[in-house]
Amino acid sequence: MKIHVKYKQLVFAFFMSLSMSLFISFILVSINFGYSSHFLPQWLKMWGQAFICAFFGAYFFPKFIHKIMMKIRFVETKVKETKGF
């Protein structure tokens, strides 16, 4: 499969939101409603809602978070060795 590089962020956001929304909605529906005959319909309904929210978050948040991360100065420091503890 070949996709133009300009769609890289969009494809990443799609797969990230797909996997995260499936996982989180499954866990939350399991905790809140348990496993019953209504589990699958309830989970699919909640997953659809979660996916819409997650997609927009996964698409737009990284842009802002990257700007914040660029303002933080990360440094490596050597840890001093101490004798004993």
Protein backbone atom coordinates (compact mmCIF):
# COMPACT_ATOMS: atom_id res chain seq x y z
CA MET A 1 0.00 0.00 0.00
CA LYS A 2 1.36 3.42 -0.93
CA ILE A 3 0.06 6.64 0.57
CA HIS A 4 1.45 10.08 -0.12
CA VAL A 5 3.62 11.44 2.68
CA LYS A 6 1.34 14.46 3.16
CA TYR A 7 -1.24 12.08 4.69
CA LYS A 8 1.20 10.64 7.23
CA GLN A 9 -0.19 12.58 10.20
CA LEU A 10 -3.77 11.80 9.20
CA VAL A 11 -3.06 8.06 8.89
CA PHE A 12 -1.16 8.06 12.19
CA ALA A 13 -4.07 9.83 13.91
CA PHE A 14 -6.51 7.32 12.45
CA PHE A 15 -4.64 4.24 13.66
CA MET A 16 -3.77 5.75 17.03
CA SER A 17 -7.36 6.78 17.71
CA LEU A 18 -8.68 3.46 16.43
CA SER A 19 -6.50 1.40 18.74
CA MET A 20 -6.83 3.64 21.80
CA SER A 21 -10.61 4.06 21.50
CA LEU A 22 -11.14 0.31 21.05
CA PHE A 23 -8.98 -0.50 24.05
CA ILE A 24 -10.30 2.16 26.42
CA SER A 25 -13.98 1.75 25.51
CA PHE A 26 -13.68 -2.03 25.96
CA ILE A 27 -12.20 -1.63 29.44
CA LEU A 28 -14.70 1.04 30.52
CA VAL A 29 -17.76 -0.84 29.24
CA SER A 30 -16.46 -4.00 30.94
CA ILE A 31 -16.04 -2.19 34.25
CA ASN A 32 -19.27 -0.20 34.14
CA PHE A 33 -21.69 -2.71 32.62
CA GLY A 34 -20.03 -6.12 32.95
CA TYR A 35 -20.39 -8.90 30.41
CA SER A 36 -23.98 -9.56 29.42
CA SER A 37 -26.02 -10.02 26.28
CA HIS A 38 -25.97 -6.23 25.84
CA PHE A 39 -22.19 -5.96 26.07
CA LEU A 40 -21.35 -6.00 22.34
CA PRO A 41 -24.02 -3.49 21.21
CA GLN A 42 -23.18 -1.19 24.14
CA TRP A 43 -19.45 -1.44 23.48
CA LEU A 44 -19.80 -0.74 19.75
CA LYS A 45 -22.01 2.27 20.45
CA MET A 46 -19.57 3.70 22.97
CA TRP A 47 -16.58 2.87 20.77
CA GLY A 48 -18.07 4.85 17.90
CA GLN A 49 -18.48 7.89 20.13
CA ALA A 50 -15.02 7.45 21.61
CA PHE A 51 -13.42 7.10 18.18
CA ILE A 52 -14.78 10.44 16.99
CA CYS A 53 -13.37 12.21 20.07
CA ALA A 54 -10.09 10.30 19.94
CA PHE A 55 -9.53 11.00 16.25
CA PHE A 56 -9.76 14.76 16.64
CA GLY A 57 -7.56 14.60 19.73
CA ALA A 58 -4.95 12.41 18.03
CA TYR A 59 -4.91 14.71 15.01
CA PHE A 60 -4.77 18.13 16.68
CA PHE A 61 -3.08 17.61 20.09
CA PRO A 62 0.34 16.48 18.79
CA LYS A 63 0.78 19.80 16.97
CA PHE A 64 0.32 21.77 20.19
CA ILE A 65 2.25 19.32 22.34
CA HIS A 66 5.17 19.45 19.90
CA LYS A 67 5.27 23.25 20.21
CA ILE A 68 5.36 22.95 24.00
CA MET A 69 8.05 20.27 23.86
CA MET A 70 10.22 22.51 21.67
CA LYS A 71 10.25 25.12 24.47
CA ILE A 72 11.55 22.62 27.03
CA ARG A 73 15.29 22.18 27.22
CA PHE A 74 16.23 18.57 27.85
CA VAL A 75 19.70 17.86 29.16
CA GLU A 76 21.67 14.80 30.09
CA THR A 77 23.37 14.90 33.44
CA LYS A 78 25.77 12.41 34.83
CA VAL A 79 24.73 10.74 38.03
CA LYS A 80 27.31 11.03 40.76
CA GLU A 81 28.39 7.73 42.18
CA THR A 82 28.08 7.45 45.93
CA LYS A 83 29.68 4.92 48.19
CA GLY A 84 27.31 2.70 50.08
CA PHE A 85 23.74 3.74 49.63
